[in-house]
Full PDB file with SEQRES, HELIX, SHEET, SSBOND, CRYST1, ORIGX, SCALE, CONECT and MASTER records, all heavy atoms in Angstrom:
SEQRES   1 A   42  TYR LEU ASN VAL HIS ARG TYR MET THR ALA ALA GLY ILE          
SEQRES   2 A   42  PRO VAL PRO ARG VAL TYR LEU HIS ILE PRO GLU GLU GLU          
SEQRES   3 A   42  VAL LEU LEU LEU GLU ASP ALA GLY ASP THR THR LEU GLU          
SEQRES   4 A   42  ASP MET VAL                                                  
HELIX    1 AA1 LEU A    2  ALA A   10  1                                   9    
HELIX    2 AA2 PRO A   23  GLU A   25  5                                   3    
HELIX    3 AA3 LEU A   38  MET A   41  1                                   4    
SHEET    1 AA1 2 VAL A  18  ILE A  22  0                                        
SHEET    2 AA1 2 VAL A  27  LEU A  30 -1                                        
CRYST1    1.000    1.000    1.000  90.00  90.00  90.00 P 1           1          
ORIGX1      1.000000  0.000000  0.000000        0.00000                         
ORIGX2      0.000000  1.000000  0.000000        0.00000                         
ORIGX3      0.000000  0.000000  1.000000        0.00000                         
SCALE1      1.000000  0.000000  0.000000        0.00000                         
SCALE2      0.000000  1.000000  0.000000        0.00000                         
SCALE3      0.000000  0.000000  1.000000        0.00000                         
ATOM      1  N   TYR A   1       4.040  11.898  10.179  1.00  0.00           N  
ATOM      2  CA  TYR A   1       3.898  10.791   9.220  1.00  0.00           C  
ATOM      3  C   TYR A   1       3.198   9.595   9.851  1.00  0.00           C  
ATOM      4  O   TYR A   1       2.299   9.012   9.290  1.00  0.00           O  
ATOM      5  CB  TYR A   1       5.271  10.389   8.683  1.00  0.00           C  
ATOM      6  CG  TYR A   1       5.236   9.306   7.635  1.00  0.00           C  
ATOM      7  CD1 TYR A   1       5.306   9.648   6.275  1.00  0.00           C  
ATOM      8  CD2 TYR A   1       5.141   7.965   7.942  1.00  0.00           C  
ATOM      9  CE1 TYR A   1       5.253   8.678   5.275  1.00  0.00           C  
ATOM     10  CE2 TYR A   1       5.103   6.978   6.967  1.00  0.00           C  
ATOM     11  CZ  TYR A   1       5.150   7.350   5.642  1.00  0.00           C  
ATOM     12  OH  TYR A   1       5.116   6.374   4.680  1.00  0.00           O  
ATOM     13  N   LEU A   2       3.644   9.237  11.059  1.00  0.00           N  
ATOM     14  CA  LEU A   2       3.075   8.067  11.728  1.00  0.00           C  
ATOM     15  C   LEU A   2       1.626   8.333  12.157  1.00  0.00           C  
ATOM     16  O   LEU A   2       0.792   7.431  12.134  1.00  0.00           O  
ATOM     17  CB  LEU A   2       3.923   7.671  12.935  1.00  0.00           C  
ATOM     18  CG  LEU A   2       5.304   7.111  12.612  1.00  0.00           C  
ATOM     19  CD1 LEU A   2       6.067   6.814  13.913  1.00  0.00           C  
ATOM     20  CD2 LEU A   2       5.212   5.847  11.757  1.00  0.00           C  
ATOM     21  N   ASN A   3       1.375   9.561  12.575  1.00  0.00           N  
ATOM     22  CA  ASN A   3      -0.007   9.895  12.973  1.00  0.00           C  
ATOM     23  C   ASN A   3      -0.968   9.699  11.807  1.00  0.00           C  
ATOM     24  O   ASN A   3      -1.975   9.019  11.920  1.00  0.00           O  
ATOM     25  CB  ASN A   3      -0.036  11.348  13.490  1.00  0.00           C  
ATOM     26  CG  ASN A   3      -1.404  11.759  13.972  1.00  0.00           C  
ATOM     27  OD1 ASN A   3      -2.302  12.049  13.189  1.00  0.00           O  
ATOM     28  ND2 ASN A   3      -1.579  11.783  15.302  1.00  0.00           N  
ATOM     29  N   VAL A   4      -0.626  10.293  10.664  1.00  0.00           N  
ATOM     30  CA  VAL A   4      -1.526  10.207   9.520  1.00  0.00           C  
ATOM     31  C   VAL A   4      -1.532   8.762   8.957  1.00  0.00           C  
ATOM     32  O   VAL A   4      -2.575   8.255   8.542  1.00  0.00           O  
ATOM     33  CB  VAL A   4      -1.115  11.204   8.414  1.00  0.00           C  
ATOM     34  CG1 VAL A   4      -2.039  11.093   7.232  1.00  0.00           C  
ATOM     35  CG2 VAL A   4      -1.128  12.633   8.962  1.00  0.00           C  
ATOM     36  N   HIS A   5      -0.368   8.107   8.988  1.00  0.00           N  
ATOM     37  CA  HIS A   5      -0.272   6.719   8.528  1.00  0.00           C  
ATOM     38  C   HIS A   5      -1.270   5.824   9.260  1.00  0.00           C  
ATOM     39  O   HIS A   5      -1.900   4.954   8.666  1.00  0.00           O  
ATOM     40  CB  HIS A   5       1.126   6.219   8.732  1.00  0.00           C  
ATOM     41  CG  HIS A   5       1.423   4.879   8.149  1.00  0.00           C  
ATOM     42  ND1 HIS A   5       1.089   3.700   8.809  1.00  0.00           N  
ATOM     43  CD2 HIS A   5       2.004   4.490   6.975  1.00  0.00           C  
ATOM     44  CE1 HIS A   5       1.453   2.658   8.070  1.00  0.00           C  
ATOM     45  NE2 HIS A   5       2.008   3.109   6.956  1.00  0.00           N  
ATOM     46  N   ARG A   6      -1.428   6.036  10.543  1.00  0.00           N  
ATOM     47  CA  ARG A   6      -2.342   5.210  11.353  1.00  0.00           C  
ATOM     48  C   ARG A   6      -3.771   5.292  10.824  1.00  0.00           C  
ATOM     49  O   ARG A   6      -4.449   4.277  10.715  1.00  0.00           O  
ATOM     50  CB  ARG A   6      -2.271   5.699  12.798  1.00  0.00           C  
ATOM     51  CG  ARG A   6      -3.134   4.871  13.745  1.00  0.00           C  
ATOM     52  CD  ARG A   6      -2.773   5.120  15.192  1.00  0.00           C  
ATOM     53  NE  ARG A   6      -3.023   6.478  15.631  1.00  0.00           N  
ATOM     54  CZ  ARG A   6      -2.063   7.369  15.926  1.00  0.00           C  
ATOM     55  NH1 ARG A   6      -0.790   7.040  15.787  1.00  0.00           N  
ATOM     56  NH2 ARG A   6      -2.363   8.567  16.337  1.00  0.00           N  
ATOM     57  N   TYR A   7      -4.217   6.481  10.481  1.00  0.00           N  
ATOM     58  CA  TYR A   7      -5.587   6.637  10.021  1.00  0.00           C  
ATOM     59  C   TYR A   7      -5.742   6.213   8.560  1.00  0.00           C  
ATOM     60  O   TYR A   7      -6.803   5.646   8.200  1.00  0.00           O  
ATOM     61  CB  TYR A   7      -6.016   8.096  10.234  1.00  0.00           C  
ATOM     62  CG  TYR A   7      -5.973   8.459  11.704  1.00  0.00           C  
ATOM     63  CD1 TYR A   7      -4.895   9.157  12.236  1.00  0.00           C  
ATOM     64  CD2 TYR A   7      -6.988   8.054  12.568  1.00  0.00           C  
ATOM     65  CE1 TYR A   7      -4.815   9.450  13.576  1.00  0.00           C  
ATOM     66  CE2 TYR A   7      -6.925   8.336  13.919  1.00  0.00           C  
ATOM     67  CZ  TYR A   7      -5.837   9.031  14.418  1.00  0.00           C  
ATOM     68  OH  TYR A   7      -5.766   9.320  15.773  1.00  0.00           O  
ATOM     69  N   MET A   8      -4.739   6.439   7.763  1.00  0.00           N  
ATOM     70  CA  MET A   8      -4.802   5.953   6.372  1.00  0.00           C  
ATOM     71  C   MET A   8      -4.854   4.433   6.365  1.00  0.00           C  
ATOM     72  O   MET A   8      -5.618   3.824   5.592  1.00  0.00           O  
ATOM     73  CB  MET A   8      -3.585   6.451   5.607  1.00  0.00           C  
ATOM     74  CG  MET A   8      -3.555   7.939   5.321  1.00  0.00           C  
ATOM     75  SD  MET A   8      -4.798   8.420   4.089  1.00  0.00           S  
ATOM     76  CE  MET A   8      -4.304  10.109   3.783  1.00  0.00           C  
ATOM     77  N   THR A   9      -4.059   3.807   7.221  1.00  0.00           N  
ATOM     78  CA  THR A   9      -4.070   2.342   7.286  1.00  0.00           C  
ATOM     79  C   THR A   9      -5.409   1.815   7.777  1.00  0.00           C  
ATOM     80  O   THR A   9      -5.955   0.829   7.238  1.00  0.00           O  
ATOM     81  CB  THR A   9      -2.935   1.858   8.211  1.00  0.00           C  
ATOM     82  OG1 THR A   9      -1.687   2.331   7.716  1.00  0.00           O  
ATOM     83  CG2 THR A   9      -2.913   0.353   8.268  1.00  0.00           C  
ATOM     84  N   ALA A  10      -5.963   2.474   8.788  1.00  0.00           N  
ATOM     85  CA  ALA A  10      -7.270   2.064   9.300  1.00  0.00           C  
ATOM     86  C   ALA A  10      -8.355   2.163   8.234  1.00  0.00           C  
ATOM     87  O   ALA A  10      -9.317   1.363   8.243  1.00  0.00           O  
ATOM     88  CB  ALA A  10      -7.630   2.900  10.517  1.00  0.00           C  
ATOM     89  N   ALA A  11      -8.187   3.105   7.331  1.00  0.00           N  
ATOM     90  CA  ALA A  11      -9.173   3.282   6.252  1.00  0.00           C  
ATOM     91  C   ALA A  11      -8.908   2.379   5.058  1.00  0.00           C  
ATOM     92  O   ALA A  11      -9.675   2.385   4.098  1.00  0.00           O  
ATOM     93  CB  ALA A  11      -9.169   4.741   5.801  1.00  0.00           C  
ATOM     94  N   GLY A  12      -7.836   1.596   5.121  1.00  0.00           N  
ATOM     95  CA  GLY A  12      -7.540   0.658   4.044  1.00  0.00           C  
ATOM     96  C   GLY A  12      -6.860   1.313   2.840  1.00  0.00           C  
ATOM     97  O   GLY A  12      -6.872   0.745   1.750  1.00  0.00           O  
ATOM     98  N   ILE A  13      -6.245   2.468   3.041  1.00  0.00           N  
ATOM     99  CA  ILE A  13      -5.561   3.151   1.938  1.00  0.00           C  
ATOM    100  C   ILE A  13      -4.201   2.481   1.724  1.00  0.00           C  
ATOM    101  O   ILE A  13      -3.485   2.218   2.724  1.00  0.00           O  
ATOM    102  CB  ILE A  13      -5.373   4.646   2.258  1.00  0.00           C  
ATOM    103  CG1 ILE A  13      -6.703   5.278   2.682  1.00  0.00           C  
ATOM    104  CG2 ILE A  13      -4.767   5.377   1.046  1.00  0.00           C  
ATOM    105  CD1 ILE A  13      -7.797   5.123   1.692  1.00  0.00           C  
ATOM    106  N   PRO A  14      -3.792   2.196   0.500  1.00  0.00           N  
ATOM    107  CA  PRO A  14      -2.534   1.492   0.242  1.00  0.00           C  
ATOM    108  C   PRO A  14      -1.308   2.419   0.428  1.00  0.00           C  
ATOM    109  O   PRO A  14      -0.769   2.960  -0.545  1.00  0.00           O  
ATOM    110  CB  PRO A  14      -2.668   1.012  -1.195  1.00  0.00           C  
ATOM    111  CG  PRO A  14      -3.577   2.035  -1.831  1.00  0.00           C  
ATOM    112  CD  PRO A  14      -4.555   2.430  -0.742  1.00  0.00           C  
ATOM    113  N   VAL A  15      -0.908   2.604   1.667  1.00  0.00           N  
ATOM    114  CA  VAL A  15       0.289   3.390   1.951  1.00  0.00           C  
ATOM    115  C   VAL A  15       1.427   2.428   2.292  1.00  0.00           C  
ATOM    116  O   VAL A  15       1.192   1.273   2.663  1.00  0.00           O  
ATOM    117  CB  VAL A  15       0.018   4.343   3.139  1.00  0.00           C  
ATOM    118  CG1 VAL A  15      -1.013   5.391   2.744  1.00  0.00           C  
ATOM    119  CG2 VAL A  15      -0.453   3.600   4.365  1.00  0.00           C  
ATOM    120  N   PRO A  16       2.683   2.857   2.153  1.00  0.00           N  
ATOM    121  CA  PRO A  16       3.812   1.973   2.467  1.00  0.00           C  
ATOM    122  C   PRO A  16       3.771   1.486   3.915  1.00  0.00           C  
ATOM    123  O   PRO A  16       3.450   2.253   4.831  1.00  0.00           O  
ATOM    124  CB  PRO A  16       5.043   2.855   2.221  1.00  0.00           C  
ATOM    125  CG  PRO A  16       4.564   3.903   1.255  1.00  0.00           C  
ATOM    126  CD  PRO A  16       3.141   4.164   1.633  1.00  0.00           C  
ATOM    127  N   ARG A  17       4.156   0.230   4.121  1.00  0.00           N  
ATOM    128  CA  ARG A  17       4.203  -0.332   5.470  1.00  0.00           C  
ATOM    129  C   ARG A  17       5.358   0.329   6.233  1.00  0.00           C  
ATOM    130  O   ARG A  17       6.388   0.674   5.680  1.00  0.00           O  
ATOM    131  CB  ARG A  17       4.411  -1.837   5.425  1.00  0.00           C  
ATOM    132  CG  ARG A  17       3.235  -2.595   4.851  1.00  0.00           C  
ATOM    133  CD  ARG A  17       3.418  -4.090   4.984  1.00  0.00           C  
ATOM    134  NE  ARG A  17       4.556  -4.573   4.212  1.00  0.00           N  
ATOM    135  CZ  ARG A  17       4.487  -4.906   2.931  1.00  0.00           C  
ATOM    136  NH1 ARG A  17       3.358  -4.747   2.253  1.00  0.00           N  
ATOM    137  NH2 ARG A  17       5.557  -5.360   2.286  1.00  0.00           N  
ATOM    138  N   VAL A  18       5.154   0.488   7.546  1.00  0.00           N  
ATOM    139  CA  VAL A  18       6.211   0.997   8.423  1.00  0.00           C  
ATOM    140  C   VAL A  18       6.870  -0.198   9.120  1.00  0.00           C  
ATOM    141  O   VAL A  18       6.185  -0.992   9.761  1.00  0.00           O  
ATOM    142  CB  VAL A  18       5.631   1.953   9.491  1.00  0.00           C  
ATOM    143  CG1 VAL A  18       6.702   2.350  10.485  1.00  0.00           C  
ATOM    144  CG2 VAL A  18       5.063   3.193   8.812  1.00  0.00           C  
ATOM    145  N   TYR A  19       8.181  -0.331   8.990  1.00  0.00           N  
ATOM    146  CA  TYR A  19       8.911  -1.432   9.605  1.00  0.00           C  
ATOM    147  C   TYR A  19       9.532  -1.067  10.960  1.00  0.00           C  
ATOM    148  O   TYR A  19       9.468  -1.844  11.902  1.00  0.00           O  
ATOM    149  CB  TYR A  19      10.018  -1.920   8.668  1.00  0.00           C  
ATOM    150  CG  TYR A  19       9.492  -2.576   7.399  1.00  0.00           C  
ATOM    151  CD1 TYR A  19       9.869  -2.084   6.150  1.00  0.00           C  
ATOM    152  CD2 TYR A  19       8.618  -3.639   7.454  1.00  0.00           C  
ATOM    153  CE1 TYR A  19       9.404  -2.688   4.995  1.00  0.00           C  
ATOM    154  CE2 TYR A  19       8.137  -4.248   6.301  1.00  0.00           C  
ATOM    155  CZ  TYR A  19       8.536  -3.751   5.073  1.00  0.00           C  
ATOM    156  OH  TYR A  19       8.051  -4.346   3.919  1.00  0.00           O  
ATOM    157  N   LEU A  20      10.127   0.111  11.030  1.00  0.00           N  
ATOM    158  CA  LEU A  20      10.867   0.423  12.241  1.00  0.00           C  
ATOM    159  C   LEU A  20      10.983   1.938  12.391  1.00  0.00           C  
ATOM    160  O   LEU A  20      11.263   2.647  11.424  1.00  0.00           O  
ATOM    161  CB  LEU A  20      12.254  -0.197  12.196  1.00  0.00           C  
ATOM    162  CG  LEU A  20      13.173  -0.006  13.411  1.00  0.00           C  
ATOM    163  CD1 LEU A  20      12.571  -0.624  14.661  1.00  0.00           C  
ATOM    164  CD2 LEU A  20      14.552  -0.588  13.130  1.00  0.00           C  
ATOM    165  N   HIS A  21      10.742   2.440  13.593  1.00  0.00           N  
ATOM    166  CA  HIS A  21      10.931   3.847  13.894  1.00  0.00           C  
ATOM    167  C   HIS A  21      11.993   3.977  15.012  1.00  0.00           C  
ATOM    168  O   HIS A  21      11.899   3.319  16.039  1.00  0.00           O  
ATOM    169  CB  HIS A  21       9.585   4.439  14.388  1.00  0.00           C  
ATOM    170  CG  HIS A  21       9.656   5.913  14.644  1.00  0.00           C  
ATOM    171  ND1 HIS A  21       8.868   6.561  15.570  1.00  0.00           N  
ATOM    172  CD2 HIS A  21      10.463   6.906  14.099  1.00  0.00           C  
ATOM    173  CE1 HIS A  21       9.147   7.841  15.594  1.00  0.00           C  
ATOM    174  NE2 HIS A  21      10.105   8.073  14.704  1.00  0.00           N  
ATOM    175  N   ILE A  22      12.986   4.797  14.731  1.00  0.00           N  
ATOM    176  CA  ILE A  22      14.031   5.066  15.713  1.00  0.00           C  
ATOM    177  C   ILE A  22      13.990   6.547  16.010  1.00  0.00           C  
ATOM    178  O   ILE A  22      14.693   7.360  15.399  1.00  0.00           O  
ATOM    179  CB  ILE A  22      15.434   4.653  15.178  1.00  0.00           C  
ATOM    180  CG1 ILE A  22      15.384   3.221  14.618  1.00  0.00           C  
ATOM    181  CG2 ILE A  22      16.472   4.747  16.282  1.00  0.00           C  
ATOM    182  CD1 ILE A  22      16.688   2.800  13.999  1.00  0.00           C  
ATOM    183  N   PRO A  23      13.085   6.971  16.913  1.00  0.00           N  
ATOM    184  CA  PRO A  23      12.837   8.420  17.129  1.00  0.00           C  
ATOM    185  C   PRO A  23      14.042   9.202  17.595  1.00  0.00           C  
ATOM    186  O   PRO A  23      14.212  10.367  17.224  1.00  0.00           O  
ATOM    187  CB  PRO A  23      11.733   8.417  18.182  1.00  0.00           C  
ATOM    188  CG  PRO A  23      11.768   7.086  18.833  1.00  0.00           C  
ATOM    189  CD  PRO A  23      12.234   6.144  17.784  1.00  0.00           C  
ATOM    190  N   GLU A  24      14.931   8.569  18.405  1.00  0.00           N  
ATOM    191  CA  GLU A  24      16.100   9.321  18.898  1.00  0.00           C  
ATOM    192  C   GLU A  24      17.059   9.679  17.777  1.00  0.00           C  
ATOM    193  O   GLU A  24      17.877  10.587  17.911  1.00  0.00           O  
ATOM    194  CB  GLU A  24      16.829   8.506  19.969  1.00  0.00           C  
ATOM    195  CG  GLU A  24      17.411   7.174  19.511  1.00  0.00           C  
ATOM    196  CD  GLU A  24      16.418   6.019  19.633  1.00  0.00           C  
ATOM    197  OE1 GLU A  24      15.204   6.295  19.663  1.00  0.00           O  
ATOM    198  OE2 GLU A  24      16.890   4.881  19.720  1.00  0.00           O  
ATOM    199  N   GLU A  25      16.987   8.966  16.652  1.00  0.00           N  
ATOM    200  CA  GLU A  25      17.820   9.279  15.480  1.00  0.00           C  
ATOM    201  C   GLU A  25      17.019   9.952  14.366  1.00  0.00           C  
ATOM    202  O   GLU A  25      17.558  10.243  13.307  1.00  0.00           O  
ATOM    203  CB  GLU A  25      18.445   7.977  14.945  1.00  0.00           C  
ATOM    204  CG  GLU A  25      19.455   7.329  15.870  1.00  0.00           C  
ATOM    205  CD  GLU A  25      20.786   8.067  15.843  1.00  0.00           C  
ATOM    206  OE1 GLU A  25      21.083   8.761  14.849  1.00  0.00           O  
ATOM    207  OE2 GLU A  25      21.556   7.915  16.822  1.00  0.00           O  
ATOM    208  N   GLU A  26      15.717  10.164  14.631  1.00  0.00           N  
ATOM    209  CA  GLU A  26      14.830  10.746  13.616  1.00  0.00           C  
ATOM    210  C   GLU A  26      14.888   9.968  12.318  1.00  0.00           C  
ATOM    211  O   GLU A  26      15.065  10.529  11.217  1.00  0.00           O  
ATOM    212  CB  GLU A  26      15.169  12.241  13.405  1.00  0.00           C  
ATOM    213  CG  GLU A  26      14.997  13.044  14.682  1.00  0.00           C  
ATOM    214  CD  GLU A  26      15.527  14.476  14.585  1.00  0.00           C  
ATOM    215  OE1 GLU A  26      16.324  14.737  13.628  1.00  0.00           O  
ATOM    216  OE2 GLU A  26      15.188  15.311  15.427  1.00  0.00           O  
ATOM    217  N   VAL A  27      14.711   8.672  12.448  1.00  0.00           N  
ATOM    218  CA  VAL A  27      14.799   7.727  11.332  1.00  0.00           C  
ATOM    219  C   VAL A  27      13.554   6.847  11.294  1.00  0.00           C  
ATOM    220  O   VAL A  27      13.080   6.374  12.334  1.00  0.00           O  
ATOM    221  CB  VAL A  27      16.071   6.862  11.423  1.00  0.00           C  
ATOM    222  CG1 VAL A  27      15.971   5.631  10.543  1.00  0.00           C  
ATOM    223  CG2 VAL A  27      17.299   7.673  11.078  1.00  0.00           C  
ATOM    224  N   LEU A  28      13.053   6.638  10.081  1.00  0.00           N  
ATOM    225  CA  LEU A  28      11.894   5.763   9.880  1.00  0.00           C  
ATOM    226  C   LEU A  28      12.211   4.814   8.741  1.00  0.00           C  
ATOM    227  O   LEU A  28      12.679   5.249   7.684  1.00  0.00           O  
ATOM    228  CB  LEU A  28      10.667   6.622   9.542  1.00  0.00           C  
ATOM    229  CG  LEU A  28       9.301   5.978   9.614  1.00  0.00           C  
ATOM    230  CD1 LEU A  28       8.950   5.531  11.036  1.00  0.00           C  
ATOM    231  CD2 LEU A  28       8.227   6.958   9.111  1.00  0.00           C  
ATOM    232  N   LEU A  29      11.996   3.499   8.946  1.00  0.00           N  
ATOM    233  CA  LEU A  29      12.211   2.493   7.906  1.00  0.00           C  
ATOM    234  C   LEU A  29      10.858   2.087   7.325  1.00  0.00           C  
ATOM    235  O   LEU A  29       9.952   1.691   8.044  1.00  0.00           O  
ATOM    236  CB  LEU A  29      12.920   1.271   8.463  1.00  0.00           C  
ATOM    237  CG  LEU A  29      14.459   1.251   8.447  1.00  0.00           C  
ATOM    238  CD1 LEU A  29      14.983   1.195   7.032  1.00  0.00           C  
ATOM    239  CD2 LEU A  29      15.041   2.422   9.213  1.00  0.00           C  
ATOM    240  N   LEU A  30      10.755   2.184   5.997  1.00  0.00           N  
ATOM    241  CA  LEU A  30       9.492   1.972   5.315  1.00  0.00           C  
ATOM    242  C   LEU A  30       9.615   0.924   4.214  1.00  0.00           C  
ATOM    243  O   LEU A  30      10.705   0.624   3.696  1.00  0.00           O  
ATOM    244  CB  LEU A  30       9.022   3.291   4.666  1.00  0.00           C  
ATOM    245  CG  LEU A  30       8.881   4.493   5.564  1.00  0.00           C  
ATOM    246  CD1 LEU A  30       8.713   5.755   4.734  1.00  0.00           C  
ATOM    247  CD2 LEU A  30       7.680   4.319   6.493  1.00  0.00           C  
ATOM    248  N   GLU A  31       8.475   0.429   3.797  1.00  0.00           N  
ATOM    249  CA  GLU A  31       8.391  -0.445   2.632  1.00  0.00           C  
ATOM    250  C   GLU A  31       8.958   0.277   1.408  1.00  0.00           C  
ATOM    251  O   GLU A  31       8.690   1.457   1.203  1.00  0.00           O  
ATOM    252  CB  GLU A  31       6.953  -0.842   2.374  1.00  0.00           C  
ATOM    253  CG  GLU A  31       6.690  -1.598   1.087  1.00  0.00           C  
ATOM    254  CD  GLU A  31       5.225  -1.756   0.760  1.00  0.00           C  
ATOM    255  OE1 GLU A  31       4.379  -1.161   1.480  1.00  0.00           O  
ATOM    256  OE2 GLU A  31       4.913  -2.478  -0.198  1.00  0.00           O  
ATOM    257  N   ASP A  32       9.722  -0.429   0.609  1.00  0.00           N  
ATOM    258  CA  ASP A  32      10.258   0.118  -0.641  1.00  0.00           C  
ATOM    259  C   ASP A  32       9.211  -0.086  -1.726  1.00  0.00           C  
ATOM    260  O   ASP A  32       8.961  -1.216  -2.156  1.00  0.00           O  
ATOM    261  CB  ASP A  32      11.572  -0.590  -1.010  1.00  0.00           C  
ATOM    262  CG  ASP A  32      12.254   0.048  -2.196  1.00  0.00           C  
ATOM    263  OD1 ASP A  32      11.641   0.921  -2.860  1.00  0.00           O  
ATOM    264  OD2 ASP A  32      13.415  -0.318  -2.462  1.00  0.00           O  
ATOM    265  N   ALA A  33       8.614   0.992  -2.162  1.00  0.00           N  
ATOM    266  CA  ALA A  33       7.580   0.916  -3.191  1.00  0.00           C  
ATOM    267  C   ALA A  33       8.141   1.056  -4.596  1.00  0.00           C  
ATOM    268  O   ALA A  33       7.400   1.216  -5.580  1.00  0.00           O  
ATOM    269  CB  ALA A  33       6.500   1.980  -2.949  1.00  0.00           C  
ATOM    270  N   GLY A  34       9.459   0.988  -4.718  1.00  0.00           N  
ATOM    271  CA  GLY A  34      10.080   1.030  -6.046  1.00  0.00           C  
ATOM    272  C   GLY A  34      10.323   2.464  -6.514  1.00  0.00           C  
ATOM    273  O   GLY A  34      10.242   3.420  -5.743  1.00  0.00           O  
ATOM    274  N   ASP A  35      10.634   2.581  -7.792  1.00  0.00           N  
ATOM    275  CA  ASP A  35      11.009   3.862  -8.380  1.00  0.00           C  
ATOM    276  C   ASP A  35      10.007   4.375  -9.395  1.00  0.00           C  
ATOM    277  O   ASP A  35      10.212   5.449  -9.961  1.00  0.00           O  
ATOM    278  CB  ASP A  35      12.365   3.735  -9.089  1.00  0.00           C  
ATOM    279  CG  ASP A  35      13.484   3.343  -8.142  1.00  0.00           C  
ATOM    280  OD1 ASP A  35      13.416   3.743  -6.981  1.00  0.00           O  
ATOM    281  OD2 ASP A  35      14.419   2.641  -8.581  1.00  0.00           O  
ATOM    282  N   THR A  36       8.971   3.616  -9.675  1.00  0.00           N  
ATOM    283  CA  THR A  36       8.058   3.974 -10.772  1.00  0.00           C  
ATOM    284  C   THR A  36       6.856   4.723 -10.261  1.00  0.00           C  
ATOM    285  O   THR A  36       6.035   4.162  -9.529  1.00  0.00           O  
ATOM    286  CB  THR A  36       7.599   2.718 -11.529  1.00  0.00           C  
ATOM    287  OG1 THR A  36       8.749   1.990 -11.995  1.00  0.00           O  
ATOM    288  CG2 THR A  36       6.736   3.103 -12.719  1.00  0.00           C  
ATOM    289  N   THR A  37       6.775   5.996 -10.617  1.00  0.00           N  
ATOM    290  CA  THR A  37       5.589   6.779 -10.262  1.00  0.00           C  
ATOM    291  C   THR A  37       4.561   6.663 -11.387  1.00  0.00           C  
ATOM    292  O   THR A  37       4.858   6.194 -12.494  1.00  0.00           O  
ATOM    293  CB  THR A  37       5.956   8.257 -10.106  1.00  0.00           C  
ATOM    294  OG1 THR A  37       6.367   8.780 -11.375  1.00  0.00           O  
ATOM    295  CG2 THR A  37       7.069   8.447  -9.074  1.00  0.00           C  
ATOM    296  N   LEU A  38       3.365   7.124 -11.089  1.00  0.00           N  
ATOM    297  CA  LEU A  38       2.349   7.164 -12.147  1.00  0.00           C  
ATOM    298  C   LEU A  38       2.760   8.077 -13.272  1.00  0.00           C  
ATOM    299  O   LEU A  38       2.483   7.816 -14.443  1.00  0.00           O  
ATOM    300  CB  LEU A  38       1.008   7.624 -11.529  1.00  0.00           C  
ATOM    301  CG  LEU A  38      -0.198   7.692 -12.477  1.00  0.00           C  
ATOM    302  CD1 LEU A  38      -0.398   6.420 -13.260  1.00  0.00           C  
ATOM    303  CD2 LEU A  38      -1.461   8.023 -11.687  1.00  0.00           C  
ATOM    304  N   GLU A  39       3.475   9.155 -12.926  1.00  0.00           N  
ATOM    305  CA  GLU A  39       4.017  10.023 -13.965  1.00  0.00           C  
ATOM    306  C   GLU A  39       4.928   9.228 -14.908  1.00  0.00           C  
ATOM    307  O   GLU A  39       4.870   9.375 -16.140  1.00  0.00           O  
ATOM    308  CB  GLU A  39       4.807  11.159 -13.315  1.00  0.00           C  
ATOM    309  CG  GLU A  39       5.454  12.100 -14.309  1.00  0.00           C  
ATOM    310  CD  GLU A  39       6.425  13.080 -13.674  1.00  0.00           C  
ATOM    311  OE1 GLU A  39       6.857  12.842 -12.529  1.00  0.00           O  
ATOM    312  OE2 GLU A  39       6.779  14.073 -14.338  1.00  0.00           O  
ATOM    313  N   ASP A  40       5.795   8.377 -14.340  1.00  0.00           N  
ATOM    314  CA  ASP A  40       6.678   7.548 -15.157  1.00  0.00           C  
ATOM    315  C   ASP A  40       5.884   6.642 -16.105  1.00  0.00           C  
ATOM    316  O   ASP A  40       6.246   6.457 -17.263  1.00  0.00           O  
ATOM    317  CB  ASP A  40       7.552   6.673 -14.287  1.00  0.00           C  
ATOM    318  CG  ASP A  40       8.556   7.462 -13.475  1.00  0.00           C  
ATOM    319  OD1 ASP A  40       9.025   8.499 -13.987  1.00  0.00           O  
ATOM    320  OD2 ASP A  40       8.872   7.057 -12.349  1.00  0.00           O  
ATOM    321  N   MET A  41       4.831   6.039 -15.556  1.00  0.00           N  
ATOM    322  CA  MET A  41       4.015   5.132 -16.364  1.00  0.00           C  
ATOM    323  C   MET A  41       3.429   5.841 -17.588  1.00  0.00           C  
ATOM    324  O   MET A  41       3.410   5.289 -18.686  1.00  0.00           O  
ATOM    325  CB  MET A  41       2.896   4.538 -15.510  1.00  0.00           C  
ATOM    326  CG  MET A  41       3.373   3.558 -14.453  1.00  0.00           C  
ATOM    327  SD  MET A  41       3.912   1.956 -15.173  1.00  0.00           S  
ATOM    328  CE  MET A  41       2.340   1.261 -15.692  1.00  0.00           C  
ATOM    329  N   VAL A  42       2.986   7.075 -17.366  1.00  0.00           N  
ATOM    330  CA  VAL A  42       2.414   7.831 -18.490  1.00  0.00           C  
ATOM    331  C   VAL A  42       3.519   8.139 -19.505  1.00  0.00           C  
ATOM    332  O   VAL A  42       3.330   8.008 -20.730  1.00  0.00           O  
ATOM    333  CB  VAL A  42       1.757   9.130 -18.001  1.00  0.00           C  
ATOM    334  CG1 VAL A  42       1.319   9.991 -19.182  1.00  0.00           C  
ATOM    335  CG2 VAL A  42       0.565   8.809 -17.083  1.00  0.00           C  
TER     336      VAL A  42                                                      
MASTER        0    0    0    3    2    0    0    6  335    1    0    4          
END                                                                             
């Protein structure tokens, strides 16, 4: 996730921000983009 996130971010793609990675616990804290998908909007 972090590997691809780096390149998506460099390309200016609107992906969720990464706040904190705790690898020893296999945990990643990310921006909350809400609950509404494009499917929901339709």
